[in-house]
Amino acid sequence: MGRAFEFRKARKMKRWSKMAKTFTRIGKDIVIAVKEGGASPETNSRLRQVMQNAKTANMPKDNVLRAIKKASSKDTVNYEEISLEGYAVNGVAVFVDCATNNNNRTVADVRSYFSKCDGDLGINGSLKFIFNRKGVFTIEPHQLSISIEDLEMELIDAGLEELEVDEDALTIYCDFTDFSNMQRKIEELDIEINNSELQRIPTINKKITTEQSKKVLKLLDLLEENEDVQQVFHNMELTEAILKTMEA
């Protein structure tokens, strides 16, 4: 999971460097969270999650509060969460999570990106066997008041599947059905969550050449530039050469 997570993180930070688009994405997350569970973060765990992610992305607090207030209005546009699945060139599986107020537009846009890059948009459910949906939390290790071993024991009852450790961050993985339980447990331990989200982790990686990866990377860029697209996942094996191409 480590390399795949770092790749997604690198691409996300590259995308989030476009501040206006970042705030638009978070704004949609706020609308969805408020419509789903209300405007109070104390009783709406999903809203707490989005607010924490907004803080990590350096979104001003005033912007967040305005977005919550706006989302509470009956006149606010509703966004529907949809997922689209397909294959990029050379059989690389691509999963696209979207938030849209116009299904037809979003599907048409995503389909056109796949076509431009010699891929095919498939039927929902066709990639179910390739991706596992996981809850992923990152926290900063310096804030821990207990050992990592004790933390691991505390989180097992909340559904911990894997704990990755490095100098800058601890990454916690759980099944997506345990997302709320894990969030609540981390909060009970008085640990600040740096970022939390649902990710689709590939169970099967597709190995292709660096040259073959160019059209896949082009597709990923097109998808991530679309305002209706929230997250993009794939199962391309990340060789050092491909990572260098991505960083160029």
Protein backbone atom coordinates (compact mmCIF):
# COMPACT_ATOMS: atom_id res chain seq x y z
CA MET A 1 0.00 0.00 0.00
CA GLY A 2 2.88 2.39 0.79
CA ARG A 3 4.13 3.21 -2.69
CA ALA A 4 0.61 3.41 -4.12
CA PHE A 5 -0.43 5.75 -1.32
CA GLU A 6 2.60 7.99 -1.83
CA PHE A 7 1.88 8.14 -5.57
CA ARG A 8 -1.72 9.17 -4.96
CA LYS A 9 -0.56 11.65 -2.35
CA ALA A 10 1.95 13.20 -4.79
CA ARG A 11 -0.68 13.53 -7.49
CA LYS A 12 -3.19 14.93 -5.02
CA MET A 13 -0.77 17.57 -3.74
CA LYS A 14 0.05 18.52 -7.33
CA ARG A 15 -3.66 18.90 -7.97
CA TRP A 16 -4.27 20.72 -4.70
CA SER A 17 -1.58 23.25 -5.59
CA LYS A 18 -4.31 24.85 -7.69
CA MET A 19 -5.88 26.50 -4.69
CA ALA A 20 -9.15 27.60 -6.26
CA LYS A 21 -9.92 24.10 -7.48
CA THR A 22 -9.00 22.65 -4.13
CA PHE A 23 -11.47 24.88 -2.34
CA THR A 24 -14.18 24.06 -4.89
CA ARG A 25 -13.66 20.35 -4.25
CA ILE A 26 -13.80 20.80 -0.48
CA GLY A 27 -16.84 23.03 -0.88
CA LYS A 28 -18.67 20.19 -2.61
CA ASP A 29 -17.64 17.83 0.18
CA ILE A 30 -19.08 20.29 2.71
CA VAL A 31 -22.39 20.54 0.84
CA ILE A 32 -22.71 16.75 0.65
CA ALA A 33 -21.80 16.35 4.33
CA VAL A 34 -24.24 19.03 5.53
CA LYS A 35 -27.10 17.76 3.37
CA GLU A 36 -26.44 14.26 4.68
CA GLY A 37 -25.97 14.91 8.40
CA GLY A 38 -26.62 18.54 9.29
CA ALA A 39 -24.49 21.62 9.88
CA SER A 40 -23.11 20.72 13.32
CA PRO A 41 -19.66 19.08 13.27
CA GLU A 42 -20.27 17.80 16.80
CA THR A 43 -22.99 15.46 15.55
CA ASN A 44 -21.85 15.07 11.93
CA SER A 45 -18.70 12.97 11.71
CA ARG A 46 -18.45 13.38 7.94
CA LEU A 47 -18.49 17.16 8.30
CA ARG A 48 -15.74 16.94 10.94
CA GLN A 49 -13.70 14.91 8.49
CA VAL A 50 -14.14 17.47 5.69
CA MET A 51 -13.34 20.38 8.03
CA GLN A 52 -10.11 18.69 9.09
CA ASN A 53 -9.15 18.09 5.47
CA ALA A 54 -9.92 21.75 4.73
CA LYS A 55 -7.54 22.76 7.52
CA THR A 56 -4.82 20.54 6.06
CA ALA A 57 -5.35 22.18 2.66
CA ASN A 58 -4.99 25.63 4.28
CA MET A 59 -8.55 26.62 3.46
CA PRO A 60 -9.37 29.71 5.59
CA LYS A 61 -11.72 29.05 8.47
CA ASP A 62 -14.04 31.84 7.30
CA ASN A 63 -14.37 30.12 3.92
CA VAL A 64 -15.30 26.87 5.64
CA LEU A 65 -17.92 28.51 7.85
CA ARG A 66 -19.44 30.35 4.88
CA ALA A 67 -19.56 27.09 2.94
CA ILE A 68 -21.37 25.36 5.82
CA LYS A 69 -23.87 28.22 6.10
CA LYS A 70 -24.47 28.19 2.36
CA ALA A 71 -24.86 24.40 2.34
CA SER A 72 -27.60 24.72 4.96
CA SER A 73 -29.73 26.79 2.60
CA LYS A 74 -32.57 25.09 0.75
CA ASP A 75 -31.50 26.92 -2.40
CA THR A 76 -28.03 25.33 -2.44
CA VAL A 77 -27.31 23.07 -5.37
CA ASN A 78 -27.35 19.39 -4.44
CA TYR A 79 -24.49 17.20 -5.56
CA GLU A 80 -24.84 13.51 -6.28
CA GLU A 81 -21.92 11.18 -5.66
CA ILE A 82 -21.32 8.82 -8.57
CA SER A 83 -18.54 6.41 -9.47
CA LEU A 84 -17.38 5.62 -13.00
CA GLU A 85 -15.17 2.71 -13.99
CA GLY A 86 -13.15 1.89 -17.05
CA TYR A 87 -9.89 0.73 -18.56
CA ALA A 88 -7.11 2.98 -19.79
CA VAL A 89 -4.82 1.84 -22.59
CA ASN A 90 -2.92 -1.42 -21.97
CA GLY A 91 -5.56 -2.69 -19.55
CA VAL A 92 -4.94 -0.32 -16.63
CA ALA A 93 -8.08 -0.17 -14.48
CA VAL A 94 -9.28 3.34 -13.53
CA PHE A 95 -11.90 4.18 -10.91
CA VAL A 96 -13.33 7.73 -10.86
CA ASP A 97 -15.30 9.13 -7.92
CA CYS A 98 -17.35 12.23 -8.77
CA ALA A 99 -19.67 14.76 -7.16
CA THR A 100 -21.96 16.35 -9.71
CA ASN A 101 -25.17 18.31 -10.20
CA ASN A 102 -25.45 17.05 -13.79
CA ASN A 103 -25.00 13.32 -14.28
CA ASN A 104 -25.21 13.42 -18.05
CA ARG A 105 -22.52 16.09 -18.35
CA THR A 106 -20.13 14.28 -16.02
CA VAL A 107 -20.53 10.89 -17.70
CA ALA A 108 -20.10 12.46 -21.15
CA ASP A 109 -16.94 14.30 -20.07
CA VAL A 110 -15.37 11.26 -18.46
CA ARG A 111 -16.26 9.07 -21.44
CA SER A 112 -14.60 11.57 -23.79
CA TYR A 113 -11.38 11.52 -21.75
CA PHE A 114 -11.19 7.74 -21.92
CA SER A 115 -11.79 7.85 -25.69
CA LYS A 116 -9.14 10.52 -26.27
CA CYS A 117 -6.59 8.37 -24.49
CA ASP A 118 -7.54 5.09 -26.19
CA GLY A 119 -9.38 3.75 -23.17
CA ASP A 120 -12.96 2.60 -22.58
CA LEU A 121 -15.49 3.63 -19.96
CA GLY A 122 -17.06 0.44 -18.63
CA ILE A 123 -20.09 -0.71 -16.66
CA ASN A 124 -20.32 0.08 -12.96
CA GLY A 125 -19.25 -2.91 -10.93
CA SER A 126 -16.85 -4.21 -13.58
CA LEU A 127 -13.80 -3.30 -11.47
CA LYS A 128 -15.16 -4.51 -8.14
CA PHE A 129 -12.70 -7.40 -8.03
CA ILE A 130 -9.71 -5.11 -8.69
CA PHE A 131 -10.19 -2.49 -5.94
CA ASN A 132 -10.88 -2.74 -2.22
CA ARG A 133 -12.47 0.32 -0.64
CA LYS A 134 -10.59 1.40 2.47
CA GLY A 135 -10.71 4.15 5.05
CA VAL A 136 -7.35 5.91 5.23
CA PHE A 137 -6.30 8.25 8.04
CA THR A 138 -3.01 10.12 8.43
CA ILE A 139 -1.75 11.54 11.71
CA GLU A 140 1.49 13.19 12.76
CA PRO A 141 3.55 10.91 15.02
CA HIS A 142 5.00 13.71 17.18
CA GLN A 143 1.61 14.33 18.85
CA LEU A 144 1.28 10.79 20.23
CA SER A 145 1.27 10.41 23.99
CA ILE A 146 1.42 6.60 23.71
CA SER A 147 3.74 4.23 21.90
CA ILE A 148 2.98 3.10 18.37
CA GLU A 149 2.55 -0.44 19.69
CA ASP A 150 -0.07 0.73 22.20
CA LEU A 151 -1.77 2.81 19.52
CA GLU A 152 -2.00 -0.24 17.30
CA MET A 153 -3.61 -2.24 20.09
CA GLU A 154 -6.13 0.56 20.74
CA LEU A 155 -7.11 0.75 17.07
CA ILE A 156 -7.55 -2.97 16.47
CA ASP A 157 -11.02 -2.98 18.05
CA ALA A 158 -12.02 -0.13 15.72
CA GLY A 159 -11.14 -2.19 12.66
CA LEU A 160 -7.45 -1.49 12.09
CA GLU A 161 -6.11 -3.50 9.15
CA GLU A 162 -2.70 -1.92 8.66
CA LEU A 163 -0.56 0.80 10.23
CA GLU A 164 2.23 2.31 8.14
CA VAL A 165 4.92 4.24 9.98
CA ASP A 166 7.43 6.77 8.72
CA GLU A 167 9.10 9.89 10.12
CA ASP A 168 6.47 12.34 8.88
CA ALA A 169 3.20 10.45 9.20
CA LEU A 170 1.36 7.42 10.48
CA THR A 171 -1.11 6.02 7.97
CA ILE A 172 -4.03 3.99 9.29
CA TYR A 173 -6.02 1.65 7.05
CA CYS A 174 -9.39 0.08 7.79
CA ASP A 175 -12.29 -1.35 5.81
CA PHE A 176 -14.62 1.38 4.54
CA THR A 177 -17.44 0.00 6.71
CA ASP A 178 -15.28 0.78 9.79
CA PHE A 179 -14.54 4.36 8.74
CA SER A 180 -16.81 6.04 11.30
CA ASN A 181 -15.71 3.68 14.09
CA MET A 182 -12.06 4.42 13.36
CA GLN A 183 -12.62 8.16 13.20
CA ARG A 184 -14.44 8.08 16.54
CA LYS A 185 -11.71 5.96 18.15
CA ILE A 186 -8.90 8.25 17.01
CA GLU A 187 -10.85 11.25 18.33
CA GLU A 188 -11.42 9.45 21.67
CA LEU A 189 -7.65 9.06 21.96
CA ASP A 190 -7.38 12.86 21.59
CA ILE A 191 -5.32 12.49 18.41
CA GLU A 192 -5.69 15.12 15.71
CA ILE A 193 -6.37 13.63 12.28
CA ASN A 194 -4.31 15.29 9.59
CA ASN A 195 -6.31 13.86 6.69
CA SER A 196 -8.97 11.20 6.27
CA GLU A 197 -10.74 9.80 3.24
CA LEU A 198 -12.10 6.73 1.54
CA GLN A 199 -9.70 5.29 -1.02
CA ARG A 200 -9.86 2.45 -3.49
CA ILE A 201 -6.79 0.28 -3.09
CA PRO A 202 -5.92 -2.01 -6.03
CA THR A 203 -5.63 -5.73 -5.29
CA ILE A 204 -4.04 -6.44 -8.67
CA ASN A 205 -1.35 -4.22 -10.17
CA LYS A 206 -0.90 -3.87 -13.93
CA LYS A 207 2.70 -3.73 -15.13
CA ILE A 208 3.31 -1.62 -18.23
CA THR A 209 6.31 0.13 -19.78
CA THR A 210 7.20 3.77 -19.22
CA GLU A 211 6.24 4.53 -22.81
CA GLN A 212 2.88 2.81 -22.40
CA SER A 213 2.24 4.80 -19.21
CA LYS A 214 2.19 8.15 -21.02
CA LYS A 215 -1.39 7.84 -22.25
CA VAL A 216 -2.47 6.56 -18.84
CA LEU A 217 -0.91 9.58 -17.15
CA LYS A 218 -2.55 11.86 -19.70
CA LEU A 219 -5.94 10.31 -18.88
CA LEU A 220 -5.35 10.76 -15.15
CA ASP A 221 -4.46 14.41 -15.69
CA LEU A 222 -7.59 15.04 -17.77
CA LEU A 223 -9.78 13.41 -15.15
CA GLU A 224 -8.23 15.27 -12.23
CA GLU A 225 -8.64 18.62 -13.99
CA ASN A 226 -12.40 18.10 -14.26
CA GLU A 227 -14.34 19.95 -11.55
CA ASP A 228 -16.83 17.11 -11.14
CA VAL A 229 -14.08 14.61 -10.33
CA GLN A 230 -13.23 14.24 -6.65
CA GLN A 231 -10.77 11.33 -6.72
CA VAL A 232 -9.13 9.05 -9.27
CA PHE A 233 -7.68 5.60 -8.56
CA HIS A 234 -5.86 3.14 -10.81
CA ASN A 235 -3.90 -0.11 -10.64
CA MET A 236 -0.87 0.82 -12.76
CA GLU A 237 2.31 -0.61 -11.21
CA LEU A 238 4.50 2.29 -10.16
CA THR A 239 8.04 1.68 -11.32
CA GLU A 240 10.81 4.17 -10.58
CA ALA A 241 10.84 5.20 -14.25
CA ILE A 242 7.10 5.94 -14.25
CA LEU A 243 7.40 7.90 -11.02
CA LYS A 244 10.16 10.02 -12.56
CA THR A 245 7.92 10.66 -15.58
CA MET A 246 5.14 11.72 -13.25
CA GLU A 247 7.41 14.08 -11.32
CA ALA A 248 8.86 15.70 -14.45
